[in-house]
Each structure stands twice: as C-alpha cells, then as structure tokens.
C-alpha atoms as a PDB file:
ATOM      1  CA  MET A   1     -19.264 -15.275  -0.276  1.00  0.00           C
ATOM      2  CA  GLY A   2     -18.425 -15.229  -3.990  1.00  0.00           C
ATOM      3  CA  THR A   3     -15.229 -16.130  -5.738  1.00  0.00           C
ATOM      4  CA  ASP A   4     -12.976 -13.213  -6.667  1.00  0.00           C
ATOM      5  CA  SER A   5     -11.579 -12.926 -10.161  1.00  0.00           C
ATOM      6  CA  ARG A   6      -8.194 -11.307 -10.676  1.00  0.00           C
ATOM      7  CA  GLU A   7      -8.203 -11.842 -14.422  1.00  0.00           C
ATOM      8  CA  GLY A   8      -6.198  -9.117 -16.115  1.00  0.00           C
ATOM      9  CA  TYR A   9      -4.724  -7.779 -12.852  1.00  0.00           C
ATOM     10  CA  GLN A  10      -0.954  -7.412 -12.733  1.00  0.00           C
ATOM     11  CA  ARG A  11       0.525  -5.975  -9.542  1.00  0.00           C
ATOM     12  CA  THR A  12       3.628  -4.890 -11.487  1.00  0.00           C
ATOM     13  CA  ALA A  13       1.436  -2.456 -13.457  1.00  0.00           C
ATOM     14  CA  PHE A  14       1.086  -0.368 -10.278  1.00  0.00           C
ATOM     15  CA  LYS A  15       4.588   0.908  -9.552  1.00  0.00           C
ATOM     16  CA  HIS A  16       3.408   4.345  -8.458  1.00  0.00           C
ATOM     17  CA  TRP A  17       2.504   3.642  -4.829  1.00  0.00           C
ATOM     18  CA  ASN A  18       3.823   6.494  -2.702  1.00  0.00           C
ATOM     19  CA  ALA A  19       5.648   6.193   0.607  1.00  0.00           C
ATOM     20  CA  GLY A  20       2.450   6.577   2.660  1.00  0.00           C
ATOM     21  CA  THR A  21       1.648   8.998   5.448  1.00  0.00           C
ATOM     22  CA  GLN A  22       4.645   7.936   7.582  1.00  0.00           C
ATOM     23  CA  PRO A  23       7.511   7.030   5.217  1.00  0.00           C
ATOM     24  CA  ALA A  24       9.722   5.896   8.113  1.00  0.00           C
ATOM     25  CA  ASP A  25       7.431   2.937   8.935  1.00  0.00           C
ATOM     26  CA  GLY A  26       8.002   1.333   5.514  1.00  0.00           C
ATOM     27  CA  CYS A  27       4.271   1.113   4.703  1.00  0.00           C
ATOM     28  CA  ASN A  28       3.417   2.484   1.281  1.00  0.00           C
ATOM     29  CA  ALA A  29      -0.062   3.752   0.387  1.00  0.00           C
ATOM     30  CA  ARG A  30      -1.164   0.273  -0.770  1.00  0.00           C
ATOM     31  CA  ALA A  31      -0.217  -1.321   2.564  1.00  0.00           C
ATOM     32  CA  GLU A  32      -1.878   1.486   4.520  1.00  0.00           C
ATOM     33  CA  VAL A  33      -5.151   0.938   2.657  1.00  0.00           C
ATOM     34  CA  LEU A  34      -4.960  -2.823   3.170  1.00  0.00           C
ATOM     35  CA  ILE A  35      -4.380  -2.329   6.895  1.00  0.00           C
ATOM     36  CA  SER A  36      -7.174   0.236   7.296  1.00  0.00           C
ATOM     37  CA  GLU A  37      -9.760  -1.785   5.337  1.00  0.00           C
ATOM     38  CA  ALA A  38      -9.036  -5.207   6.823  1.00  0.00           C
ATOM     39  CA  VAL A  39     -11.900  -7.128   8.415  1.00  0.00           C
ATOM     40  CA  ASP A  40      -9.276  -9.136  10.326  1.00  0.00           C
ATOM     41  CA  ALA A  41      -6.033  -7.175  10.584  1.00  0.00           C
ATOM     42  CA  PRO A  42      -2.904  -8.644   9.001  1.00  0.00           C
ATOM     43  CA  GLU A  43       0.329  -9.100  10.906  1.00  0.00           C
ATOM     44  CA  ILE A  44       2.739  -6.279  10.077  1.00  0.00           C
ATOM     45  CA  GLY A  45       6.317  -7.488   9.812  1.00  0.00           C
ATOM     46  CA  PRO A  46       9.642  -5.732   9.208  1.00  0.00           C
ATOM     47  CA  GLY A  47       9.523  -3.315   6.300  1.00  0.00           C
ATOM     48  CA  CYS A  48       5.707  -3.393   6.528  1.00  0.00           C
ATOM     49  CA  ARG A  49       5.459  -6.901   5.088  1.00  0.00           C
ATOM     50  CA  LEU A  50       1.824  -7.933   5.572  1.00  0.00           C
ATOM     51  CA  THR A  51       0.826 -11.529   6.245  1.00  0.00           C
ATOM     52  CA  GLY A  52      -2.549 -12.999   7.033  1.00  0.00           C
ATOM     53  CA  GLY A  53      -5.527 -10.722   7.335  1.00  0.00           C
ATOM     54  CA  ARG A  54      -8.936 -10.854   5.723  1.00  0.00           C
ATOM     55  CA  TRP A  55     -10.854  -8.367   3.587  1.00  0.00           C
ATOM     56  CA  TRP A  56     -14.418  -8.086   2.407  1.00  0.00           C
ATOM     57  CA  SER A  57     -14.821  -8.065  -1.367  1.00  0.00           C
ATOM     58  CA  ASN A  58     -17.890  -7.469  -3.493  1.00  0.00           C
END
C-alpha cells in the first residue's frame, strides 16, 4: 500500500457540503460518502462524528 499525499488539500476550502440524504441524522454528504465507501466502517458518534474506519486509496 502506498503513502497518500495530501499536499495542497485544505478541508476548509470545501464548505459547500450539503445536509445529506437524511438531514436529521447530522451526516452531511461528505460523511455519507465516507461511510458508504469504507473498507472497515467507522464508528458513528453523536452529530455524525466519525472515528476509526479504513478506506482504500489509489
């Protein structure tokens, strides 16, 4: 498995994430994608705070 590079990435540049398919669950579109694409699912805490999990990257 290679090493990921996040050079130039700034999370704050992406303020447009919508409320997701079920706004009441607190998971925005970013969190929903992370959950759906996880190889090992993250724990989903209050307000859809994600911890743990594992994703495949190429």
